[in-house]
C-alpha atoms as a PDB file:
ATOM      1  CA  MET A   1      -0.503  -0.125  -0.097  1.00  0.00           C
ATOM      2  CA  ILE A   2       2.762   3.009   0.810  1.00  0.00           C
ATOM      3  CA  ILE A   3       4.432   3.676  -2.557  1.00  0.00           C
ATOM      4  CA  THR A   4       8.123   2.480  -2.288  1.00  0.00           C
ATOM      5  CA  GLU A   5       8.865   3.560  -6.034  1.00  0.00           C
ATOM      6  CA  SER A   6      10.349   6.949  -6.867  1.00  0.00           C
ATOM      7  CA  GLU A   7       8.369   6.897  -9.605  1.00  0.00           C
ATOM      8  CA  ASN A   8       6.861   4.597 -12.613  1.00  0.00           C
ATOM      9  CA  THR A   9       6.103   4.798 -16.354  1.00  0.00           C
ATOM     10  CA  LEU A  10       3.251   4.852 -18.093  1.00  0.00           C
ATOM     11  CA  HIS A  11       0.910   2.552 -17.805  1.00  0.00           C
ATOM     12  CA  LEU A  12      -2.708   0.977 -17.058  1.00  0.00           C
ATOM     13  CA  HIS A  13      -4.708  -1.790 -15.475  1.00  0.00           C
ATOM     14  CA  THR A  14      -8.327  -2.160 -14.659  1.00  0.00           C
ATOM     15  CA  ASP A  15      -8.148  -1.707 -11.422  1.00  0.00           C
ATOM     16  CA  ILE A  16      -8.895   1.629  -9.748  1.00  0.00           C
ATOM     17  CA  GLU A  17      -6.597   3.349  -8.057  1.00  0.00           C
ATOM     18  CA  ILE A  18      -6.424   5.954  -5.802  1.00  0.00           C
ATOM     19  CA  ILE A  19      -3.255   7.706  -4.461  1.00  0.00           C
ATOM     20  CA  TYR A  20      -3.100   9.799  -1.160  1.00  0.00           C
ATOM     21  CA  VAL A  21      -0.054  11.756  -0.302  1.00  0.00           C
ATOM     22  CA  MET A  22       0.445  11.966   3.508  1.00  0.00           C
ATOM     23  CA  GLU A  23       3.426  14.461   2.781  1.00  0.00           C
ATOM     24  CA  GLY A  24       5.134  16.215   0.607  1.00  0.00           C
ATOM     25  CA  GLU A  25       4.720  16.514  -3.313  1.00  0.00           C
ATOM     26  CA  MET A  26       4.907  14.411  -5.807  1.00  0.00           C
ATOM     27  CA  GLN A  27       3.193  14.419  -9.985  1.00  0.00           C
ATOM     28  CA  ILE A  28       0.334  12.203 -11.078  1.00  0.00           C
ATOM     29  CA  ARG A  29       0.118  11.939 -14.117  1.00  0.00           C
ATOM     30  CA  ILE A  30      -3.116  10.903 -15.870  1.00  0.00           C
ATOM     31  CA  GLY A  31      -3.241  11.031 -19.644  1.00  0.00           C
ATOM     32  CA  GLU A  32      -2.153  13.705 -21.120  1.00  0.00           C
ATOM     33  CA  LYS A  33      -2.927  15.959 -17.985  1.00  0.00           C
ATOM     34  CA  THR A  34      -0.319  15.631 -14.564  1.00  0.00           C
ATOM     35  CA  TYR A  35      -1.495  17.328 -11.752  1.00  0.00           C
ATOM     36  CA  ALA A  36       1.160  18.317  -8.358  1.00  0.00           C
ATOM     37  CA  ALA A  37       0.042  16.700  -5.017  1.00  0.00           C
ATOM     38  CA  GLY A  38       0.475  17.308  -2.121  1.00  0.00           C
ATOM     39  CA  PRO A  39       0.150  16.565   1.680  1.00  0.00           C
ATOM     40  CA  GLN A  40      -4.237  15.468   1.727  1.00  0.00           C
ATOM     41  CA  ASP A  41      -4.388  15.623  -1.867  1.00  0.00           C
ATOM     42  CA  ILE A  42      -6.194  12.618  -2.838  1.00  0.00           C
ATOM     43  CA  VAL A  43      -6.067  11.528  -6.855  1.00  0.00           C
ATOM     44  CA  LEU A  44      -8.575   8.507  -8.048  1.00  0.00           C
ATOM     45  CA  ILE A  45      -7.112   6.722 -11.020  1.00  0.00           C
ATOM     46  CA  ASN A  46     -10.335   4.916 -13.093  1.00  0.00           C
ATOM     47  CA  SER A  47      -9.908   1.556 -14.623  1.00  0.00           C
ATOM     48  CA  GLY A  48      -7.577   1.582 -17.996  1.00  0.00           C
ATOM     49  CA  GLU A  49      -6.822   5.331 -17.630  1.00  0.00           C
ATOM     50  CA  LYS A  50      -2.621   6.108 -18.351  1.00  0.00           C
ATOM     51  CA  HIS A  51      -0.985   7.075 -15.616  1.00  0.00           C
ATOM     52  CA  SER A  52       1.931   7.077 -14.030  1.00  0.00           C
ATOM     53  CA  PHE A  53       3.783   9.512 -11.100  1.00  0.00           C
ATOM     54  CA  ARG A  54       6.950  10.846 -10.082  1.00  0.00           C
ATOM     55  CA  ILE A  55       7.606  11.332  -6.043  1.00  0.00           C
ATOM     56  CA  GLY A  56       9.359  14.215  -4.387  1.00  0.00           C
ATOM     57  CA  LYS A  57      12.268  13.445  -1.632  1.00  0.00           C
ATOM     58  CA  ASP A  58      11.024  12.774   1.715  1.00  0.00           C
ATOM     59  CA  THR A  59       7.383  12.178  -0.218  1.00  0.00           C
ATOM     60  CA  LEU A  60       5.512   9.544   2.390  1.00  0.00           C
ATOM     61  CA  ALA A  61       2.138   8.187  -0.088  1.00  0.00           C
ATOM     62  CA  CYS A  62      -0.203   5.482  -0.295  1.00  0.00           C
ATOM     63  CA  ARG A  63      -2.127   3.789  -3.322  1.00  0.00           C
ATOM     64  CA  ILE A  64      -5.020   1.750  -2.690  1.00  0.00           C
ATOM     65  CA  LEU A  65      -6.866  -0.326  -5.020  1.00  0.00           C
ATOM     66  CA  LEU A  66     -10.044  -1.057  -5.460  1.00  0.00           C
ATOM     67  CA  ASP A  67     -11.301  -4.258  -7.712  1.00  0.00           C
ATOM     68  CA  TYR A  68     -13.546  -2.750 -10.613  1.00  0.00           C
ATOM     69  CA  PHE A  69     -15.437  -5.337 -11.542  1.00  0.00           C
ATOM     70  CA  MET A  70     -16.030  -6.037  -7.652  1.00  0.00           C
ATOM     71  CA  LEU A  71     -17.695  -2.555  -8.038  1.00  0.00           C
ATOM     72  CA  LYS A  72     -18.983  -2.551 -11.241  1.00  0.00           C
ATOM     73  CA  ASP A  73     -21.315  -6.153 -10.099  1.00  0.00           C
ATOM     74  CA  ALA A  74     -22.105  -4.698  -6.668  1.00  0.00           C
ATOM     75  CA  LEU A  75     -23.706  -1.692  -8.032  1.00  0.00           C
ATOM     76  CA  ASN A  76     -25.126  -3.342 -11.455  1.00  0.00           C
ATOM     77  CA  ARG A  77     -23.645  -1.072 -13.565  1.00  0.00           C
ATOM     78  CA  THR A  78     -21.709  -1.897 -16.955  1.00  0.00           C
ATOM     79  CA  GLN A  79     -19.326   1.330 -16.276  1.00  0.00           C
ATOM     80  CA  ILE A  80     -17.218   3.362 -13.713  1.00  0.00           C
ATOM     81  CA  THR A  81     -15.951   5.835 -13.428  1.00  0.00           C
ATOM     82  CA  PHE A  82     -15.264   8.152 -10.707  1.00  0.00           C
ATOM     83  CA  THR A  83     -14.004  12.319 -10.396  1.00  0.00           C
ATOM     84  CA  CYS A  84     -12.290  12.627  -7.614  1.00  0.00           C
ATOM     85  CA  ASN A  85      -9.412  14.843  -7.582  1.00  0.00           C
ATOM     86  CA  SER A  86      -9.121  16.785  -4.810  1.00  0.00           C
ATOM     87  CA  ALA A  87      -5.049  18.053  -6.737  1.00  0.00           C
ATOM     88  CA  ALA A  88      -7.688  19.435  -9.601  1.00  0.00           C
ATOM     89  CA  ASP A  89     -10.761  20.254  -7.582  1.00  0.00           C
ATOM     90  CA  PRO A  90      -9.122  22.325  -4.035  1.00  0.00           C
ATOM     91  CA  GLU A  91     -12.408  23.864  -3.358  1.00  0.00           C
ATOM     92  CA  LYS A  92     -14.435  20.328  -2.775  1.00  0.00           C
ATOM     93  CA  ASP A  93     -15.283  18.860   0.739  1.00  0.00           C
ATOM     94  CA  TYR A  94     -13.517  15.460   0.516  1.00  0.00           C
ATOM     95  CA  SER A  95     -12.815  15.825   4.411  1.00  0.00           C
ATOM     96  CA  ARG A  96     -14.759  12.552   4.858  1.00  0.00           C
ATOM     97  CA  HIS A  97     -12.525  10.660   2.347  1.00  0.00           C
ATOM     98  CA  ARG A  98      -9.805  12.324   5.023  1.00  0.00           C
ATOM     99  CA  TYR A  99     -11.268  11.112   7.519  1.00  0.00           C
ATOM    100  CA  VAL A 100     -12.047   7.726   6.551  1.00  0.00           C
ATOM    101  CA  LEU A 101      -7.550   6.833   4.603  1.00  0.00           C
ATOM    102  CA  GLU A 102      -6.164   8.504   7.524  1.00  0.00           C
ATOM    103  CA  ALA A 103      -7.717   5.497   9.857  1.00  0.00           C
ATOM    104  CA  MET A 104      -7.285   3.364   7.454  1.00  0.00           C
ATOM    105  CA  MET A 105      -3.218   4.588   6.970  1.00  0.00           C
ATOM    106  CA  ASP A 106      -3.685   4.056  11.314  1.00  0.00           C
ATOM    107  CA  GLN A 107      -4.774   0.171  11.212  1.00  0.00           C
ATOM    108  CA  TYR A 108      -2.231  -0.099   8.516  1.00  0.00           C
ATOM    109  CA  MET A 109       0.660   0.675   9.892  1.00  0.00           C
ATOM    110  CA  GLU A 110      -0.376  -1.368  13.807  1.00  0.00           C
ATOM    111  CA  LYS A 111      -0.853  -4.937  11.314  1.00  0.00           C
ATOM    112  CA  SER A 112      -2.991  -6.042  14.029  1.00  0.00           C
ATOM    113  CA  LYS A 113      -7.055  -5.494  13.365  1.00  0.00           C
ATOM    114  CA  ILE A 114      -7.192  -6.442   9.953  1.00  0.00           C
ATOM    115  CA  PHE A 115     -11.255  -6.605  10.122  1.00  0.00           C
ATOM    116  CA  LEU A 116     -11.320  -3.163  11.112  1.00  0.00           C
ATOM    117  CA  PHE A 117      -8.824  -2.064   8.699  1.00  0.00           C
ATOM    118  CA  ARG A 118     -11.425  -4.037   5.802  1.00  0.00           C
ATOM    119  CA  SER A 119     -14.180  -2.190   6.961  1.00  0.00           C
ATOM    120  CA  LEU A 120     -12.695   1.099   6.642  1.00  0.00           C
ATOM    121  CA  TYR A 121     -11.698  -0.085   3.468  1.00  0.00           C
ATOM    122  CA  TYR A 122     -15.271  -0.159   2.388  1.00  0.00           C
ATOM    123  CA  SER A 123     -16.652   2.454   3.899  1.00  0.00           C
ATOM    124  CA  PHE A 124     -14.082   4.442   2.116  1.00  0.00           C
ATOM    125  CA  ILE A 125     -15.674   2.631  -1.197  1.00  0.00           C
ATOM    126  CA  GLU A 126     -18.681   4.314   0.207  1.00  0.00           C
ATOM    127  CA  VAL A 127     -17.721   7.504   0.467  1.00  0.00           C
ATOM    128  CA  LEU A 128     -16.982   7.110  -2.661  1.00  0.00           C
ATOM    129  CA  LYS A 129     -20.408   5.712  -4.350  1.00  0.00           C
ATOM    130  CA  GLU A 130     -21.887   8.526  -2.510  1.00  0.00           C
ATOM    131  CA  ASN A 131     -19.981  11.302  -3.512  1.00  0.00           C
ATOM    132  CA  ASN A 132     -17.904  11.052  -6.597  1.00  0.00           C
ATOM    133  CA  LEU A 133     -19.690   8.261  -8.935  1.00  0.00           C
ATOM    134  CA  ASN A 134     -20.294   9.474 -12.486  1.00  0.00           C
ATOM    135  CA  GLU A 135     -24.061   8.553 -12.926  1.00  0.00           C
ATOM    136  CA  ASP A 136     -24.629  10.037 -15.837  1.00  0.00           C
ATOM    137  CA  THR A 137     -21.433   7.485 -17.806  1.00  0.00           C
ATOM    138  CA  GLU A 138     -23.465   6.029 -20.517  1.00  0.00           C
ATOM    139  CA  ASP A 139     -22.965   2.260 -20.933  1.00  0.00           C
ATOM    140  CA  LEU A 140     -20.385   1.183 -23.283  1.00  0.00           C
ATOM    141  CA  PRO A 141     -20.991  -0.347 -26.806  1.00  0.00           C
ATOM    142  CA  GLU A 142     -20.589  -3.595 -27.331  1.00  0.00           C
ATOM    143  CA  THR A 143     -17.090  -3.363 -29.356  1.00  0.00           C
ATOM    144  CA  GLY A 144     -16.033  -1.350 -25.151  1.00  0.00           C
ATOM    145  CA  MET A 145     -17.405  -4.620 -23.782  1.00  0.00           C
ATOM    146  CA  LYS A 146     -15.258  -7.311 -25.377  1.00  0.00           C
ATOM    147  CA  VAL A 147     -12.380  -5.091 -25.357  1.00  0.00           C
ATOM    148  CA  ARG A 148     -13.135  -5.447 -21.024  1.00  0.00           C
ATOM    149  CA  ARG A 149     -14.037  -8.630 -20.979  1.00  0.00           C
ATOM    150  CA  VAL A 150     -11.309  -9.225 -22.784  1.00  0.00           C
ATOM    151  CA  ILE A 151      -9.102  -6.717 -20.240  1.00  0.00           C
ATOM    152  CA  ARG A 152     -10.567  -8.898 -17.063  1.00  0.00           C
ATOM    153  CA  TYR A 153      -9.495 -12.767 -18.654  1.00  0.00           C
ATOM    154  CA  ILE A 154      -5.548 -10.722 -18.627  1.00  0.00           C
ATOM    155  CA  GLU A 155      -6.047  -9.791 -15.461  1.00  0.00           C
ATOM    156  CA  GLU A 156      -7.032 -14.279 -14.252  1.00  0.00           C
ATOM    157  CA  HIS A 157      -4.708 -15.558 -16.492  1.00  0.00           C
ATOM    158  CA  TYR A 158      -1.878 -13.158 -16.820  1.00  0.00           C
ATOM    159  CA  ALA A 159       0.797 -16.403 -15.663  1.00  0.00           C
ATOM    160  CA  GLU A 160      -0.855 -18.361 -18.394  1.00  0.00           C
ATOM    161  CA  PRO A 161       0.399 -17.882 -22.211  1.00  0.00           C
ATOM    162  CA  LEU A 162      -1.816 -15.296 -23.986  1.00  0.00           C
ATOM    163  CA  SER A 163      -2.282 -14.538 -27.428  1.00  0.00           C
ATOM    164  CA  LEU A 164      -4.087 -12.373 -29.795  1.00  0.00           C
ATOM    165  CA  SER A 165      -5.177 -14.431 -31.550  1.00  0.00           C
ATOM    166  CA  GLU A 166      -6.827 -16.965 -28.501  1.00  0.00           C
ATOM    167  CA  MET A 167      -8.728 -13.321 -27.189  1.00  0.00           C
ATOM    168  CA  ALA A 168      -9.470 -12.316 -31.413  1.00  0.00           C
ATOM    169  CA  LYS A 169     -11.561 -15.906 -31.178  1.00  0.00           C
ATOM    170  CA  ARG A 170     -13.675 -15.077 -27.816  1.00  0.00           C
ATOM    171  CA  GLU A 171     -14.443 -12.093 -28.839  1.00  0.00           C
ATOM    172  CA  TYR A 172     -15.484 -13.612 -32.737  1.00  0.00           C
ATOM    173  CA  MET A 173     -13.329 -11.430 -34.289  1.00  0.00           C
ATOM    174  CA  SER A 174     -10.702 -11.343 -36.874  1.00  0.00           C
ATOM    175  CA  GLU A 175      -7.056 -10.933 -35.240  1.00  0.00           C
ATOM    176  CA  SER A 176      -6.774  -7.674 -37.514  1.00  0.00           C
ATOM    177  CA  ALA A 177     -10.031  -5.848 -36.241  1.00  0.00           C
ATOM    178  CA  PHE A 178      -9.337  -7.447 -32.311  1.00  0.00           C
ATOM    179  CA  SER A 179      -5.887  -5.723 -32.393  1.00  0.00           C
ATOM    180  CA  ARG A 180      -7.017  -2.211 -34.174  1.00  0.00           C
ATOM    181  CA  LEU A 181      -9.513  -2.429 -31.386  1.00  0.00           C
ATOM    182  CA  PHE A 182      -7.656  -3.006 -28.429  1.00  0.00           C
ATOM    183  CA  LYS A 183      -4.960  -0.659 -29.273  1.00  0.00           C
ATOM    184  CA  LYS A 184      -7.941   2.031 -29.902  1.00  0.00           C
ATOM    185  CA  GLU A 185      -9.392   0.736 -26.246  1.00  0.00           C
ATOM    186  CA  THR A 186      -6.863   0.669 -24.125  1.00  0.00           C
ATOM    187  CA  GLY A 187      -4.032   2.709 -25.863  1.00  0.00           C
ATOM    188  CA  SER A 188      -1.606   0.308 -26.407  1.00  0.00           C
ATOM    189  CA  VAL A 189      -0.952  -2.948 -28.435  1.00  0.00           C
ATOM    190  CA  PHE A 190      -2.120  -6.208 -27.000  1.00  0.00           C
ATOM    191  CA  THR A 191       1.508  -7.896 -26.125  1.00  0.00           C
ATOM    192  CA  GLU A 192       2.279  -4.055 -24.028  1.00  0.00           C
ATOM    193  CA  TYR A 193      -0.742  -4.160 -22.083  1.00  0.00           C
ATOM    194  CA  VAL A 194       0.020  -8.053 -21.310  1.00  0.00           C
ATOM    195  CA  ARG A 195       3.623  -7.290 -20.416  1.00  0.00           C
ATOM    196  CA  SER A 196       2.770  -4.640 -18.269  1.00  0.00           C
ATOM    197  CA  VAL A 197       0.271  -6.690 -16.337  1.00  0.00           C
ATOM    198  CA  ARG A 198       2.304  -9.081 -15.424  1.00  0.00           C
ATOM    199  CA  LEU A 199       5.409  -6.915 -14.290  1.00  0.00           C
ATOM    200  CA  GLU A 200       3.320  -4.530 -12.345  1.00  0.00           C
ATOM    201  CA  HIS A 201       2.014  -8.010 -11.068  1.00  0.00           C
ATOM    202  CA  ALA A 202       6.143  -9.058 -10.789  1.00  0.00           C
ATOM    203  CA  ARG A 203       7.109  -5.505  -9.200  1.00  0.00           C
ATOM    204  CA  SER A 204       4.579  -6.098  -6.262  1.00  0.00           C
ATOM    205  CA  GLU A 205       5.611  -9.307  -5.845  1.00  0.00           C
ATOM    206  CA  LEU A 206       8.810  -8.375  -5.381  1.00  0.00           C
ATOM    207  CA  VAL A 207       8.479  -6.259  -2.765  1.00  0.00           C
ATOM    208  CA  HIS A 208       5.976  -7.899  -0.576  1.00  0.00           C
ATOM    209  CA  THR A 209       7.339 -11.773  -1.397  1.00  0.00           C
ATOM    210  CA  ASN A 210      10.671 -13.624  -0.628  1.00  0.00           C
ATOM    211  CA  ARG A 211      10.127 -15.861  -4.024  1.00  0.00           C
ATOM    212  CA  THR A 212      13.116 -15.740  -6.105  1.00  0.00           C
ATOM    213  CA  ILE A 213      13.010 -13.569  -8.503  1.00  0.00           C
ATOM    214  CA  THR A 214      12.836 -16.971 -11.319  1.00  0.00           C
ATOM    215  CA  ASP A 215      10.329 -18.219  -9.267  1.00  0.00           C
ATOM    216  CA  ILE A 216       8.638 -14.328  -9.861  1.00  0.00           C
ATOM    217  CA  ALA A 217       9.088 -14.067 -13.466  1.00  0.00           C
ATOM    218  CA  VAL A 218       7.547 -17.722 -14.333  1.00  0.00           C
ATOM    219  CA  ASN A 219       4.429 -17.265 -11.821  1.00  0.00           C
ATOM    220  CA  CYS A 220       3.852 -13.392 -13.527  1.00  0.00           C
ATOM    221  CA  GLY A 221       3.490 -15.637 -17.264  1.00  0.00           C
ATOM    222  CA  PHE A 222       7.266 -14.213 -18.543  1.00  0.00           C
ATOM    223  CA  SER A 223       8.658 -18.151 -20.682  1.00  0.00           C
ATOM    224  CA  ASN A 224      12.079 -17.107 -18.631  1.00  0.00           C
ATOM    225  CA  ILE A 225      14.334 -15.582 -16.619  1.00  0.00           C
ATOM    226  CA  SER A 226      16.317 -12.819 -19.113  1.00  0.00           C
ATOM    227  CA  ALA A 227      13.085 -12.125 -20.379  1.00  0.00           C
ATOM    228  CA  PHE A 228      12.205 -11.145 -17.394  1.00  0.00           C
ATOM    229  CA  ASN A 229      14.371  -8.923 -16.639  1.00  0.00           C
ATOM    230  CA  LYS A 230      14.911  -7.214 -20.000  1.00  0.00           C
ATOM    231  CA  SER A 231      11.648  -6.337 -19.704  1.00  0.00           C
ATOM    232  CA  PHE A 232      11.817  -5.070 -16.622  1.00  0.00           C
ATOM    233  CA  ARG A 233      14.910  -3.035 -17.556  1.00  0.00           C
ATOM    234  CA  GLN A 234      13.127  -0.792 -20.660  1.00  0.00           C
ATOM    235  CA  ILE A 235       9.983  -0.536 -18.089  1.00  0.00           C
ATOM    236  CA  TYR A 236      12.134   1.062 -15.065  1.00  0.00           C
ATOM    237  CA  GLN A 237      15.086   1.248 -16.296  1.00  0.00           C
ATOM    238  CA  ILE A 238      16.480  -0.783 -12.864  1.00  0.00           C
ATOM    239  CA  ALA A 239      16.625  -4.744 -12.736  1.00  0.00           C
ATOM    240  CA  PRO A 240      14.436  -6.958 -10.867  1.00  0.00           C
ATOM    241  CA  ARG A 241      17.268  -7.410  -7.902  1.00  0.00           C
ATOM    242  CA  GLU A 242      18.414  -3.779  -7.805  1.00  0.00           C
ATOM    243  CA  TYR A 243      15.000  -2.777  -7.837  1.00  0.00           C
ATOM    244  CA  ARG A 244      13.321  -5.015  -5.070  1.00  0.00           C
ATOM    245  CA  GLN A 245      17.262  -4.137  -2.896  1.00  0.00           C
ATOM    246  CA  ASN A 246      15.728  -0.312  -2.971  1.00  0.00           C
ATOM    247  CA  ALA A 247      12.814  -1.113  -2.423  1.00  0.00           C
ATOM    248  CA  ILE A 248      13.730  -2.648   1.364  1.00  0.00           C
ATOM    249  CA  ALA A 249      17.022  -0.558   1.874  1.00  0.00           C
END
């Protein structure tokens, strides 16, 4: 939950992401816009939005991920977006959001009252639903739903072999037509998107588990350690082993 890296590259995922700055400053890019977030700023990144961040020196911030499909099913909506960005809209009242987030941070640091933490997590979702859910969001057309279904499949099966042709067949489309649609809806080509999902899971495992780097590479769907190391360096400009050492230090 606590952000340990100083910056990350432009990427996207299906989970809804909330960044809460507790101390210091950070730059958060969403799409083509960049926001300067300071203490107590809350920035929500919707599902499928390309984003990255750069964190300042002595900055303390946290990241919370919300399961997009869980929320979609719970709210009985085919599409969900929120408007929640205190860095862009400082005049809006975010006091309830901050109260719950601060309580979550207290319990997270204590690490003993797990059920209280989870209750606060769902309380925060309720605050978002009451204050920030875009009620006028139009339902996705069928073409958009095709891509969402594939994204969900990728998120659930990222450790397995995945191919563009397989996904196109699942949606009864030609490979070329699905490739164009996927790029249009996500901004990424299929292989790049799959790689970004795998790398994000691998990055998390490097920080939060004691698994060997080889095991992490295999568990996250890479064919071999060399391919994993090369991909990781391309995106994070650092080797996986060095990344782990810096995160732990």
